[in-house]
Amino acid sequence: MAQPVAKQFLLLEGLPLMWWTLRRFRTALPDLHVVLVLHESLFDDFRALEAAHGSAGIDQLVAGGVERWHSVANGLTVLCEKGVVGVHDAVRPFVSEATIRRCYSTAESANSAVPVVPIKDSIRETNGAASHALRRDRLRAVQTPQCFNLAALKAAYGSGYRPEFTDDASVFEFAGHPVHLVDGDLENIKITTPEDLHVAQAFLREQRKDQ
């Protein structure tokens, strides 16, 4: 992001970006137990932001790890053995409440739920200087929250880290479990680049007009 602060702490219309994310979950599932996994070096910054902007709405703060896998594994250690767990990117502040509830309810009955959306662009796979087109009608972009049976996901993470794990669904699938796809939403964007932040500001201003 070329910014001096962590991207989840960037201000978006007066609030840290992550605050908007957490508000969506609190509204969609008011009784949800929320664990925030954060790099330990950011703990003081997080507490300072809570002092300035009010509570972020978390129940527990846990130190992250080297890779995403290690961070999720650390978060899972503080949870109970039963129920449904959802893993969400802090920098996806516009996930709809309907998507959140759909993912949790599907995982409750099917043991997993991963939100996806169709690919809009034409896709080509490269191999050195060569490339070939892929059928985009068979491809989906993966979003979060990715929700799972908690005991099954804990067991899957117990098998250890592999560099090919890109998300929780890949860990769950490697352990032999089917991954169920559900409809995501196109506004559930991940804030990764400065351009994404401009889009996020536009989304938020439009949503405020509709309220």
N, C-alpha and C. Protein backbone atom coordinates (compact mmCIF):
# COMPACT_ATOMS: atom_id res chain seq x y z
N MET A 1 0.81 -1.22 0.00
CA MET A 1 0.00 0.00 0.00
C MET A 1 0.85 1.27 0.00
N ALA A 2 2.17 1.13 0.18
CA ALA A 2 3.07 2.30 0.23
C ALA A 2 2.63 3.29 1.29
N GLN A 3 2.24 2.79 2.46
CA GLN A 3 1.78 3.61 3.57
C GLN A 3 2.60 3.28 4.81
N PRO A 4 2.75 4.23 5.74
CA PRO A 4 3.55 3.97 6.94
C PRO A 4 2.83 3.13 7.99
N VAL A 5 1.54 2.84 7.79
CA VAL A 5 0.79 2.03 8.75
C VAL A 5 0.30 0.76 8.06
N ALA A 6 -0.01 -0.25 8.87
CA ALA A 6 -0.55 -1.49 8.33
C ALA A 6 -1.87 -1.21 7.61
N LYS A 7 -2.12 -1.92 6.50
CA LYS A 7 -3.28 -1.57 5.66
C LYS A 7 -4.60 -1.75 6.39
N GLN A 8 -4.68 -2.69 7.34
CA GLN A 8 -5.94 -2.85 8.06
C GLN A 8 -6.23 -1.69 9.00
N PHE A 9 -5.20 -0.84 9.22
CA PHE A 9 -5.37 0.32 10.10
C PHE A 9 -5.55 1.63 9.32
N LEU A 10 -5.50 1.58 8.00
CA LEU A 10 -5.69 2.80 7.21
C LEU A 10 -7.08 3.38 7.47
N LEU A 11 -7.15 4.69 7.55
CA LEU A 11 -8.44 5.32 7.82
C LEU A 11 -9.30 5.34 6.57
N LEU A 12 -10.55 4.95 6.74
CA LEU A 12 -11.53 4.95 5.65
C LEU A 12 -12.75 5.69 6.16
N GLU A 13 -12.95 6.91 5.64
CA GLU A 13 -14.05 7.75 6.08
C GLU A 13 -14.07 7.91 7.61
N GLY A 14 -12.88 8.13 8.17
CA GLY A 14 -12.77 8.46 9.59
C GLY A 14 -12.59 7.30 10.54
N LEU A 15 -12.66 6.05 10.04
CA LEU A 15 -12.48 4.88 10.90
C LEU A 15 -11.41 3.97 10.31
N PRO A 16 -10.64 3.27 11.15
CA PRO A 16 -9.70 2.28 10.61
C PRO A 16 -10.46 1.26 9.77
N LEU A 17 -9.86 0.86 8.67
CA LEU A 17 -10.52 -0.03 7.71
C LEU A 17 -11.07 -1.28 8.38
N MET A 18 -10.32 -1.84 9.31
CA MET A 18 -10.75 -3.08 9.96
C MET A 18 -12.00 -2.89 10.80
N TRP A 19 -12.23 -1.71 11.31
CA TRP A 19 -13.43 -1.43 12.10
C TRP A 19 -14.68 -1.67 11.24
N TRP A 20 -14.63 -1.22 9.97
CA TRP A 20 -15.78 -1.42 9.08
C TRP A 20 -16.03 -2.91 8.87
N THR A 21 -14.96 -3.69 8.73
CA THR A 21 -15.08 -5.13 8.55
C THR A 21 -15.76 -5.77 9.75
N LEU A 22 -15.27 -5.45 10.93
CA LEU A 22 -15.79 -6.07 12.14
C LEU A 22 -17.25 -5.68 12.40
N ARG A 23 -17.62 -4.47 12.03
CA ARG A 23 -19.01 -4.04 12.19
C ARG A 23 -19.97 -4.92 11.40
N ARG A 24 -19.55 -5.34 10.20
CA ARG A 24 -20.41 -6.19 9.37
C ARG A 24 -20.71 -7.51 10.09
N PHE A 25 -19.67 -8.08 10.72
CA PHE A 25 -19.87 -9.36 11.39
C PHE A 25 -20.71 -9.20 12.64
N ARG A 26 -20.51 -8.12 13.38
CA ARG A 26 -21.30 -7.88 14.58
C ARG A 26 -22.78 -7.68 14.25
N THR A 27 -23.05 -7.03 13.12
CA THR A 27 -24.43 -6.81 12.71
C THR A 27 -25.07 -8.10 12.21
N ALA A 28 -24.31 -8.87 11.42
CA ALA A 28 -24.84 -10.10 10.84
C ALA A 28 -25.06 -11.17 11.89
N LEU A 29 -24.11 -11.32 12.82
CA LEU A 29 -24.17 -12.37 13.84
C LEU A 29 -23.79 -11.76 15.19
N PRO A 30 -24.73 -11.12 15.87
CA PRO A 30 -24.41 -10.36 17.08
C PRO A 30 -23.73 -11.17 18.18
N ASP A 31 -23.99 -12.48 18.26
CA ASP A 31 -23.43 -13.30 19.34
C ASP A 31 -22.11 -13.97 18.96
N LEU A 32 -21.56 -13.60 17.82
CA LEU A 32 -20.32 -14.23 17.34
C LEU A 32 -19.15 -13.93 18.27
N HIS A 33 -18.35 -14.95 18.57
CA HIS A 33 -17.11 -14.77 19.33
C HIS A 33 -16.01 -14.43 18.32
N VAL A 34 -15.43 -13.24 18.43
CA VAL A 34 -14.49 -12.75 17.42
C VAL A 34 -13.07 -12.77 17.97
N VAL A 35 -12.20 -13.50 17.28
CA VAL A 35 -10.78 -13.55 17.61
C VAL A 35 -10.02 -12.81 16.52
N LEU A 36 -9.25 -11.81 16.91
CA LEU A 36 -8.43 -11.06 15.96
C LEU A 36 -7.01 -11.59 16.02
N VAL A 37 -6.51 -12.06 14.89
CA VAL A 37 -5.13 -12.53 14.80
C VAL A 37 -4.31 -11.42 14.14
N LEU A 38 -3.33 -10.94 14.87
CA LEU A 38 -2.59 -9.74 14.45
C LEU A 38 -1.11 -9.93 14.78
N HIS A 39 -0.25 -9.42 13.91
CA HIS A 39 1.19 -9.50 14.20
C HIS A 39 1.46 -8.81 15.53
N GLU A 40 2.26 -9.46 16.36
CA GLU A 40 2.48 -8.97 17.71
C GLU A 40 3.03 -7.54 17.75
N SER A 41 3.78 -7.16 16.71
CA SER A 41 4.35 -5.82 16.66
C SER A 41 3.28 -4.75 16.50
N LEU A 42 2.03 -5.15 16.15
CA LEU A 42 0.95 -4.20 15.93
C LEU A 42 -0.01 -4.10 17.10
N PHE A 43 0.25 -4.85 18.16
CA PHE A 43 -0.67 -4.85 19.31
C PHE A 43 -0.84 -3.44 19.89
N ASP A 44 0.28 -2.73 20.10
CA ASP A 44 0.20 -1.38 20.69
C ASP A 44 -0.54 -0.43 19.77
N ASP A 45 -0.30 -0.54 18.45
CA ASP A 45 -1.01 0.32 17.50
C ASP A 45 -2.51 0.05 17.55
N PHE A 46 -2.87 -1.22 17.65
CA PHE A 46 -4.29 -1.58 17.71
C PHE A 46 -4.94 -0.98 18.96
N ARG A 47 -4.29 -1.11 20.09
CA ARG A 47 -4.86 -0.58 21.33
C ARG A 47 -4.97 0.95 21.27
N ALA A 48 -3.99 1.60 20.63
CA ALA A 48 -4.06 3.05 20.49
C ALA A 48 -5.24 3.46 19.61
N LEU A 49 -5.50 2.67 18.57
CA LEU A 49 -6.64 2.97 17.70
C LEU A 49 -7.96 2.75 18.42
N GLU A 50 -8.03 1.74 19.26
CA GLU A 50 -9.25 1.54 20.05
C GLU A 50 -9.47 2.71 21.01
N ALA A 51 -8.39 3.23 21.57
CA ALA A 51 -8.52 4.38 22.47
C ALA A 51 -9.03 5.60 21.72
N ALA A 52 -8.63 5.72 20.44
CA ALA A 52 -9.01 6.89 19.65
C ALA A 52 -10.36 6.75 18.99
N HIS A 53 -10.72 5.52 18.56
CA HIS A 53 -11.92 5.33 17.74
C HIS A 53 -12.99 4.46 18.40
N GLY A 54 -12.75 3.99 19.61
CA GLY A 54 -13.70 3.12 20.26
C GLY A 54 -13.40 1.66 19.98
N SER A 55 -14.08 0.79 20.66
CA SER A 55 -13.84 -0.64 20.55
C SER A 55 -14.01 -1.13 19.12
N ALA A 56 -13.11 -2.03 18.72
CA ALA A 56 -13.22 -2.65 17.39
C ALA A 56 -14.24 -3.77 17.39
N GLY A 57 -14.62 -4.24 18.58
CA GLY A 57 -15.63 -5.29 18.66
C GLY A 57 -15.07 -6.69 18.66
N ILE A 58 -13.86 -6.86 19.21
CA ILE A 58 -13.28 -8.20 19.28
C ILE A 58 -13.37 -8.73 20.70
N ASP A 59 -13.29 -10.06 20.82
CA ASP A 59 -13.32 -10.70 22.13
C ASP A 59 -11.94 -11.15 22.58
N GLN A 60 -11.04 -11.39 21.64
CA GLN A 60 -9.73 -11.93 21.99
C GLN A 60 -8.71 -11.51 20.93
N LEU A 61 -7.51 -11.20 21.39
CA LEU A 61 -6.42 -10.80 20.51
C LEU A 61 -5.33 -11.87 20.58
N VAL A 62 -4.91 -12.36 19.41
CA VAL A 62 -3.94 -13.46 19.33
C VAL A 62 -2.81 -13.05 18.39
N ALA A 63 -1.59 -13.44 18.75
CA ALA A 63 -0.43 -13.12 17.91
C ALA A 63 -0.43 -13.97 16.65
N GLY A 64 -0.13 -13.34 15.51
CA GLY A 64 -0.06 -14.04 14.23
C GLY A 64 1.27 -14.76 14.05
N GLY A 65 1.42 -15.40 12.89
CA GLY A 65 2.63 -16.16 12.60
C GLY A 65 3.30 -15.69 11.33
N VAL A 66 4.23 -16.50 10.83
CA VAL A 66 5.03 -16.12 9.67
C VAL A 66 4.18 -16.04 8.41
N GLU A 67 3.35 -17.05 8.18
CA GLU A 67 2.49 -17.10 7.01
C GLU A 67 1.02 -17.11 7.48
N ARG A 68 0.12 -16.94 6.51
CA ARG A 68 -1.31 -16.98 6.82
C ARG A 68 -1.66 -18.26 7.57
N TRP A 69 -1.12 -19.40 7.10
CA TRP A 69 -1.41 -20.69 7.73
C TRP A 69 -1.11 -20.64 9.22
N HIS A 70 0.06 -20.11 9.57
CA HIS A 70 0.46 -20.07 10.97
C HIS A 70 -0.45 -19.14 11.79
N SER A 71 -0.88 -18.05 11.18
CA SER A 71 -1.77 -17.12 11.88
C SER A 71 -3.11 -17.78 12.17
N VAL A 72 -3.68 -18.47 11.19
CA VAL A 72 -4.96 -19.14 11.40
C VAL A 72 -4.79 -20.25 12.44
N ALA A 73 -3.70 -21.00 12.35
CA ALA A 73 -3.45 -22.07 13.32
C ALA A 73 -3.39 -21.50 14.74
N ASN A 74 -2.75 -20.35 14.90
CA ASN A 74 -2.68 -19.71 16.22
C ASN A 74 -4.07 -19.32 16.71
N GLY A 75 -4.89 -18.78 15.81
CA GLY A 75 -6.24 -18.39 16.18
C GLY A 75 -7.09 -19.58 16.59
N LEU A 76 -6.92 -20.70 15.90
CA LEU A 76 -7.71 -21.89 16.21
C LEU A 76 -7.41 -22.45 17.59
N THR A 77 -6.21 -22.25 18.08
CA THR A 77 -5.83 -22.83 19.37
C THR A 77 -6.63 -22.27 20.54
N VAL A 78 -7.19 -21.07 20.39
CA VAL A 78 -7.92 -20.47 21.51
C VAL A 78 -9.42 -20.73 21.43
N LEU A 79 -9.86 -21.47 20.41
CA LEU A 79 -11.29 -21.74 20.24
C LEU A 79 -11.67 -23.09 20.81
N CYS A 80 -12.94 -23.26 21.09
CA CYS A 80 -13.45 -24.53 21.61
C CYS A 80 -13.41 -25.59 20.50
N GLU A 81 -13.90 -26.78 20.80
CA GLU A 81 -13.81 -27.88 19.85
C GLU A 81 -15.05 -28.05 18.98
N LYS A 82 -16.13 -27.35 19.30
CA LYS A 82 -17.38 -27.57 18.58
C LYS A 82 -17.88 -26.29 17.93
N GLY A 83 -18.71 -26.47 16.90
CA GLY A 83 -19.33 -25.32 16.25
C GLY A 83 -18.79 -25.06 14.87
N VAL A 84 -19.02 -23.84 14.40
CA VAL A 84 -18.57 -23.39 13.09
C VAL A 84 -17.61 -22.23 13.27
N VAL A 85 -16.53 -22.25 12.53
CA VAL A 85 -15.56 -21.14 12.57
C VAL A 85 -15.50 -20.51 11.18
N GLY A 86 -15.43 -19.20 11.16
CA GLY A 86 -15.25 -18.47 9.90
C GLY A 86 -13.93 -17.72 9.94
N VAL A 87 -13.19 -17.78 8.85
CA VAL A 87 -11.92 -17.06 8.74
C VAL A 87 -12.09 -15.98 7.67
N HIS A 88 -11.85 -14.74 8.07
CA HIS A 88 -12.11 -13.62 7.17
C HIS A 88 -10.90 -12.68 7.11
N ASP A 89 -10.66 -12.12 5.92
CA ASP A 89 -9.61 -11.12 5.75
C ASP A 89 -10.06 -9.80 6.36
N ALA A 90 -9.23 -9.23 7.23
CA ALA A 90 -9.59 -7.95 7.87
C ALA A 90 -9.78 -6.84 6.85
N VAL A 91 -9.15 -6.97 5.68
CA VAL A 91 -9.21 -5.91 4.67
C VAL A 91 -10.27 -6.20 3.60
N ARG A 92 -11.31 -6.94 3.98
CA ARG A 92 -12.52 -7.09 3.15
C ARG A 92 -13.68 -6.46 3.93
N PRO A 93 -13.79 -5.13 3.89
CA PRO A 93 -14.77 -4.45 4.76
C PRO A 93 -16.20 -4.44 4.24
N PHE A 94 -16.43 -4.89 3.00
CA PHE A 94 -17.76 -4.74 2.41
C PHE A 94 -18.50 -6.05 2.20
N VAL A 95 -18.04 -7.13 2.83
CA VAL A 95 -18.78 -8.39 2.73
C VAL A 95 -20.20 -8.14 3.24
N SER A 96 -21.17 -8.63 2.50
CA SER A 96 -22.56 -8.37 2.88
C SER A 96 -22.96 -9.25 4.07
N GLU A 97 -23.92 -8.74 4.84
CA GLU A 97 -24.43 -9.51 5.97
C GLU A 97 -25.06 -10.81 5.47
N ALA A 98 -25.69 -10.77 4.30
CA ALA A 98 -26.30 -11.99 3.74
C ALA A 98 -25.25 -13.04 3.43
N THR A 99 -24.10 -12.61 2.89
CA THR A 99 -23.02 -13.55 2.59
C THR A 99 -22.48 -14.16 3.87
N ILE A 100 -22.29 -13.35 4.89
CA ILE A 100 -21.79 -13.86 6.17
C ILE A 100 -22.73 -14.94 6.71
N ARG A 101 -24.02 -14.63 6.76
CA ARG A 101 -24.98 -15.59 7.32
C ARG A 101 -25.07 -16.83 6.44
N ARG A 102 -25.01 -16.66 5.11
CA ARG A 102 -25.08 -17.81 4.20
C ARG A 102 -23.89 -18.74 4.42
N CYS A 103 -22.70 -18.19 4.60
CA CYS A 103 -21.52 -19.02 4.80
C CYS A 103 -21.59 -19.81 6.10
N TYR A 104 -21.99 -19.15 7.17
CA TYR A 104 -22.07 -19.84 8.46
C TYR A 104 -23.16 -20.90 8.46
N SER A 105 -24.32 -20.59 7.91
CA SER A 105 -25.42 -21.55 7.93
C SER A 105 -25.11 -22.76 7.04
N THR A 106 -24.47 -22.53 5.89
CA THR A 106 -24.12 -23.65 5.02
C THR A 106 -23.09 -24.55 5.67
N ALA A 107 -22.09 -23.95 6.31
CA ALA A 107 -21.05 -24.75 6.99
C ALA A 107 -21.64 -25.55 8.14
N GLU A 108 -22.69 -25.03 8.74
CA GLU A 108 -23.32 -25.75 9.85
C GLU A 108 -23.93 -27.06 9.37
N SER A 109 -24.46 -27.06 8.16
CA SER A 109 -25.11 -28.26 7.64
C SER A 109 -24.19 -29.09 6.74
N ALA A 110 -23.23 -28.44 6.06
CA ALA A 110 -22.40 -29.14 5.08
C ALA A 110 -20.93 -29.23 5.47
N ASN A 111 -20.57 -28.67 6.63
CA ASN A 111 -19.20 -28.70 7.18
C ASN A 111 -18.23 -27.73 6.52
N SER A 112 -18.62 -27.11 5.42
CA SER A 112 -17.75 -26.10 4.81
C SER A 112 -18.58 -25.18 3.94
N ALA A 113 -18.10 -23.95 3.76
CA ALA A 113 -18.75 -22.99 2.87
C ALA A 113 -17.72 -21.94 2.49
N VAL A 114 -17.47 -21.83 1.20
CA VAL A 114 -16.49 -20.86 0.69
C VAL A 114 -17.18 -19.98 -0.34
N PRO A 115 -17.23 -18.66 -0.11
CA PRO A 115 -17.92 -17.78 -1.06
C PRO A 115 -17.08 -17.53 -2.31
N VAL A 116 -17.73 -17.57 -3.45
CA VAL A 116 -17.04 -17.36 -4.73
C VAL A 116 -17.89 -16.48 -5.63
N VAL A 117 -17.21 -15.85 -6.60
CA VAL A 117 -17.91 -15.05 -7.62
C VAL A 117 -17.34 -15.41 -8.99
N PRO A 118 -18.13 -15.25 -10.05
CA PRO A 118 -17.63 -15.55 -11.40
C PRO A 118 -16.46 -14.64 -11.78
N ILE A 119 -15.61 -15.15 -12.65
CA ILE A 119 -14.51 -14.37 -13.20
C ILE A 119 -15.05 -13.48 -14.32
N LYS A 120 -14.75 -12.20 -14.27
CA LYS A 120 -15.22 -11.28 -15.30
C LYS A 120 -14.29 -11.21 -16.51
N ASP A 121 -12.99 -11.25 -16.24
CA ASP A 121 -12.01 -11.05 -17.30
C ASP A 121 -11.68 -12.35 -18.02
N SER A 122 -11.19 -12.24 -19.24
CA SER A 122 -10.61 -13.39 -19.92
C SER A 122 -9.33 -13.78 -19.18
N ILE A 123 -9.05 -15.08 -19.11
CA ILE A 123 -7.93 -15.60 -18.34
C ILE A 123 -7.00 -16.39 -19.25
N ARG A 124 -5.70 -16.17 -19.10
CA ARG A 124 -4.71 -16.95 -19.82
C ARG A 124 -3.70 -17.51 -18.83
N GLU A 125 -3.32 -18.77 -19.01
CA GLU A 125 -2.29 -19.41 -18.20
C GLU A 125 -0.97 -19.34 -18.95
N THR A 126 0.07 -18.88 -18.28
CA THR A 126 1.37 -18.71 -18.93
C THR A 126 2.29 -19.88 -18.61
N ASN A 127 3.18 -20.15 -19.55
CA ASN A 127 4.22 -21.17 -19.38
C ASN A 127 5.45 -20.66 -20.11
N GLY A 128 6.28 -19.87 -19.39
CA GLY A 128 7.39 -19.21 -20.06
C GLY A 128 6.85 -18.16 -21.01
N ALA A 129 7.30 -18.19 -22.26
CA ALA A 129 6.84 -17.23 -23.26
C ALA A 129 5.49 -17.62 -23.85
N ALA A 130 5.09 -18.87 -23.64
CA ALA A 130 3.83 -19.35 -24.22
C ALA A 130 2.67 -19.11 -23.25
N SER A 131 1.46 -19.14 -23.77
CA SER A 131 0.27 -19.02 -22.93
C SER A 131 -0.90 -19.65 -23.66
N HIS A 132 -1.93 -19.98 -22.88
CA HIS A 132 -3.15 -20.48 -23.50
C HIS A 132 -4.35 -20.01 -22.70
N ALA A 133 -5.48 -19.89 -23.38
CA ALA A 133 -6.70 -19.39 -22.76
C ALA A 133 -7.33 -20.46 -21.88
N LEU A 134 -7.92 -20.01 -20.78
CA LEU A 134 -8.69 -20.89 -19.91
C LEU A 134 -10.16 -20.52 -20.01
N ARG A 135 -11.03 -21.49 -19.81
CA ARG A 135 -12.47 -21.24 -19.86
C ARG A 135 -12.91 -20.58 -18.56
N ARG A 136 -13.25 -19.31 -18.64
CA ARG A 136 -13.60 -18.60 -17.42
C ARG A 136 -14.93 -19.03 -16.84
N ASP A 137 -15.78 -19.69 -17.66
CA ASP A 137 -17.06 -20.14 -17.12
C ASP A 137 -16.88 -21.26 -16.10
N ARG A 138 -15.71 -21.88 -16.07
CA ARG A 138 -15.41 -22.92 -15.10
C ARG A 138 -14.61 -22.40 -13.91
N LEU A 139 -14.25 -21.13 -13.94
CA LEU A 139 -13.40 -20.56 -12.89
C LEU A 139 -14.21 -19.65 -11.98
N ARG A 140 -13.78 -19.58 -10.74
CA ARG A 140 -14.40 -18.71 -9.75
C ARG A 140 -13.31 -18.03 -8.91
N ALA A 141 -13.56 -16.77 -8.56
CA ALA A 141 -12.68 -16.05 -7.65
C ALA A 141 -13.14 -16.34 -6.23
N VAL A 142 -12.20 -16.68 -5.37
CA VAL A 142 -12.52 -17.10 -4.00
C VAL A 142 -12.46 -15.90 -3.06
N GLN A 143 -13.43 -15.81 -2.17
CA GLN A 143 -13.50 -14.74 -1.19
C GLN A 143 -13.46 -15.32 0.23
N THR A 144 -13.69 -14.47 1.20
CA THR A 144 -13.89 -14.88 2.58
C THR A 144 -15.16 -14.16 3.08
N PRO A 145 -15.81 -14.64 4.15
CA PRO A 145 -15.32 -15.62 5.12
C PRO A 145 -15.42 -17.06 4.60
N GLN A 146 -14.39 -17.83 4.87
CA GLN A 146 -14.41 -19.25 4.61
C GLN A 146 -14.78 -19.93 5.92
N CYS A 147 -15.89 -20.68 5.90
CA CYS A 147 -16.44 -21.24 7.13
C CYS A 147 -16.37 -22.77 7.11
N PHE A 148 -16.13 -23.34 8.31
CA PHE A 148 -15.91 -24.78 8.41
C PHE A 148 -16.40 -25.31 9.75
N ASN A 149 -16.67 -26.61 9.76
CA ASN A 149 -16.84 -27.31 11.02
C ASN A 149 -15.54 -27.13 11.81
N LEU A 150 -15.65 -26.61 13.02
CA LEU A 150 -14.48 -26.22 13.78
C LEU A 150 -13.56 -27.40 14.09
N ALA A 151 -14.12 -28.51 14.56
CA ALA A 151 -13.29 -29.66 14.89
C ALA A 151 -12.55 -30.19 13.66
N ALA A 152 -13.25 -30.21 12.52
CA ALA A 152 -12.62 -30.73 11.30
C ALA A 152 -11.51 -29.81 10.82
N LEU A 153 -11.71 -28.48 10.93
CA LEU A 153 -10.66 -27.56 10.49
C LEU A 153 -9.45 -27.64 11.42
N LYS A 154 -9.70 -27.77 12.73
CA LYS A 154 -8.58 -27.92 13.66
C LYS A 154 -7.76 -29.16 13.31
N ALA A 155 -8.43 -30.27 13.04
CA ALA A 155 -7.73 -31.50 12.68
C ALA A 155 -6.95 -31.34 11.38
N ALA A 156 -7.53 -30.61 10.42
CA ALA A 156 -6.84 -30.37 9.15
C ALA A 156 -5.57 -29.57 9.36
N TYR A 157 -5.63 -28.56 10.22
CA TYR A 157 -4.44 -27.77 10.51
C TYR A 157 -3.41 -28.56 11.31
N GLY A 158 -3.86 -29.60 11.99
CA GLY A 158 -2.95 -30.44 12.75
C GLY A 158 -2.00 -31.24 11.90
N SER A 159 -2.29 -31.33 10.59
CA SER A 159 -1.41 -32.10 9.69
C SER A 159 -0.15 -31.34 9.33
N GLY A 160 -0.06 -30.05 9.67
CA GLY A 160 1.16 -29.28 9.44
C GLY A 160 1.10 -28.39 8.21
N TYR A 161 2.08 -27.52 8.13
CA TYR A 161 2.14 -26.50 7.07
C TYR A 161 2.72 -27.07 5.78
N ARG A 162 2.15 -26.65 4.67
CA ARG A 162 2.68 -26.95 3.33
C ARG A 162 2.66 -25.65 2.53
N PRO A 163 3.72 -25.36 1.77
CA PRO A 163 3.79 -24.08 1.05
C PRO A 163 2.70 -23.90 0.01
N GLU A 164 2.09 -24.97 -0.45
CA GLU A 164 1.04 -24.84 -1.47
C GLU A 164 -0.31 -24.45 -0.88
N PHE A 165 -0.42 -24.39 0.44
CA PHE A 165 -1.66 -23.94 1.05
C PHE A 165 -1.81 -22.43 0.84
N THR A 166 -2.85 -22.04 0.12
CA THR A 166 -3.08 -20.62 -0.16
C THR A 166 -4.20 -20.02 0.68
N ASP A 167 -5.07 -20.88 1.20
CA ASP A 167 -6.17 -20.41 2.03
C ASP A 167 -6.65 -21.58 2.89
N ASP A 168 -7.68 -21.34 3.67
CA ASP A 168 -8.18 -22.38 4.57
C ASP A 168 -8.86 -23.51 3.80
N ALA A 169 -9.48 -23.18 2.68
CA ALA A 169 -10.13 -24.21 1.87
C ALA A 169 -9.11 -25.22 1.36
N SER A 170 -7.92 -24.77 0.99
CA SER A 170 -6.90 -25.70 0.49
C SER A 170 -6.40 -26.62 1.61
N VAL A 171 -6.35 -26.10 2.83
CA VAL A 171 -5.96 -26.93 3.99
C VAL A 171 -7.04 -27.98 4.25
N PHE A 172 -8.29 -27.55 4.23
CA PHE A 172 -9.43 -28.42 4.49
C PHE A 172 -9.52 -29.52 3.42
N GLU A 173 -9.33 -29.12 2.17
CA GLU A 173 -9.41 -30.06 1.06
C GLU A 173 -8.27 -31.07 1.11
N PHE A 174 -7.07 -30.64 1.47
CA PHE A 174 -5.91 -31.54 1.56
C PHE A 174 -6.17 -32.63 2.60
N ALA A 175 -6.94 -32.30 3.63
CA ALA A 175 -7.25 -33.27 4.68
C ALA A 175 -8.32 -34.27 4.24
N GLY A 176 -8.82 -34.13 3.01
CA GLY A 176 -9.78 -35.09 2.47
C GLY A 176 -11.22 -34.68 2.56
N HIS A 177 -11.47 -33.43 2.92
CA HIS A 177 -12.85 -32.96 3.06
C HIS A 177 -13.31 -32.23 1.80
N PRO A 178 -14.56 -32.39 1.38
CA PRO A 178 -15.07 -31.61 0.25
C PRO A 178 -15.28 -30.15 0.64
N VAL A 179 -15.06 -29.27 -0.31
CA VAL A 179 -15.26 -27.84 -0.10
C VAL A 179 -16.53 -27.42 -0.84
N HIS A 180 -17.50 -26.90 -0.10
CA HIS A 180 -18.76 -26.47 -0.69
C HIS A 180 -18.70 -24.98 -1.03
N LEU A 181 -19.04 -24.65 -2.26
CA LEU A 181 -19.03 -23.27 -2.72
C LEU A 181 -20.41 -22.64 -2.54
N VAL A 182 -20.42 -21.37 -2.14
CA VAL A 182 -21.67 -20.61 -2.04
C VAL A 182 -21.47 -19.29 -2.76
N ASP A 183 -22.56 -18.62 -3.06
CA ASP A 183 -22.48 -17.34 -3.74
C ASP A 183 -21.83 -16.29 -2.84
N GLY A 184 -20.82 -15.61 -3.37
CA GLY A 184 -20.25 -14.46 -2.70
C GLY A 184 -20.93 -13.20 -3.20
N ASP A 185 -20.26 -12.05 -3.04
CA ASP A 185 -20.82 -10.82 -3.60
C ASP A 185 -19.70 -9.95 -4.16
N LEU A 186 -20.02 -9.26 -5.25
CA LEU A 186 -19.01 -8.54 -6.00
C LEU A 186 -18.42 -7.34 -5.25
N GLU A 187 -19.13 -6.83 -4.25
CA GLU A 187 -18.59 -5.73 -3.48
C GLU A 187 -17.64 -6.19 -2.37
N ASN A 188 -17.51 -7.48 -2.20
CA ASN A 188 -16.65 -8.04 -1.17
C ASN A 188 -15.19 -8.03 -1.65
N ILE A 189 -14.69 -6.82 -1.91
CA ILE A 189 -13.34 -6.67 -2.46
C ILE A 189 -12.30 -6.71 -1.35
N LYS A 190 -11.09 -7.09 -1.72
CA LYS A 190 -9.96 -7.11 -0.79
C LYS A 190 -9.11 -5.88 -1.06
N ILE A 191 -8.87 -5.10 -0.02
CA ILE A 191 -8.09 -3.87 -0.16
C ILE A 191 -6.61 -4.22 -0.13
N THR A 192 -5.98 -4.22 -1.31
CA THR A 192 -4.59 -4.65 -1.44
C THR A 192 -3.69 -3.56 -1.98
N THR A 193 -4.21 -2.70 -2.85
CA THR A 193 -3.42 -1.66 -3.48
C THR A 193 -4.05 -0.29 -3.22
N PRO A 194 -3.31 0.80 -3.44
CA PRO A 194 -3.90 2.13 -3.25
C PRO A 194 -5.16 2.35 -4.09
N GLU A 195 -5.21 1.74 -5.28
CA GLU A 195 -6.40 1.88 -6.13
C GLU A 195 -7.62 1.26 -5.46
N ASP A 196 -7.41 0.15 -4.75
CA ASP A 196 -8.52 -0.50 -4.05
C ASP A 196 -9.10 0.42 -2.98
N LEU A 197 -8.24 1.22 -2.36
CA LEU A 197 -8.71 2.12 -1.31
C LEU A 197 -9.65 3.19 -1.89
N HIS A 198 -9.35 3.65 -3.09
CA HIS A 198 -10.23 4.61 -3.76
C HIS A 198 -11.60 3.98 -4.04
N VAL A 199 -11.60 2.72 -4.47
CA VAL A 199 -12.85 2.02 -4.73
C VAL A 199 -13.63 1.86 -3.43
N ALA A 200 -12.92 1.53 -2.35
CA ALA A 200 -13.57 1.35 -1.05
C ALA A 200 -14.24 2.65 -0.59
N GLN A 201 -13.57 3.77 -0.78
CA GLN A 201 -14.14 5.06 -0.39
C GLN A 201 -15.42 5.33 -1.19
N ALA A 202 -15.40 5.01 -2.48
CA ALA A 202 -16.58 5.21 -3.31
C ALA A 202 -17.73 4.31 -2.86
N PHE A 203 -17.43 3.04 -2.56
CA PHE A 203 -18.46 2.12 -2.06
C PHE A 203 -19.12 2.67 -0.80
N LEU A 204 -18.29 3.11 0.14
CA LEU A 204 -18.81 3.55 1.42
C LEU A 204 -19.67 4.79 1.28
N ARG A 205 -19.26 5.72 0.43
CA ARG A 205 -20.04 6.94 0.24
C ARG A 205 -21.37 6.63 -0.41
N GLU A 206 -21.39 5.69 -1.35
CA GLU A 206 -22.65 5.31 -2.00
C GLU A 206 -23.58 4.63 -1.01
N GLN A 207 -23.02 3.78 -0.15
CA GLN A 207 -23.84 3.10 0.84
C GLN A 207 -24.45 4.08 1.82
N ARG A 208 -23.71 5.12 2.16
CA ARG A 208 -24.22 6.14 3.09
C ARG A 208 -25.35 6.93 2.46
N LYS A 209 -25.29 7.14 1.14
CA LYS A 209 -26.37 7.84 0.45
C LYS A 209 -27.67 7.05 0.51
N ASP A 210 -27.55 5.71 0.50
CA ASP A 210 -28.73 4.85 0.48
C ASP A 210 -29.36 4.67 1.85
N GLN A 211 -28.67 5.10 2.90
CA GLN A 211 -29.18 4.91 4.25
C GLN A 211 -30.17 6.00 4.66
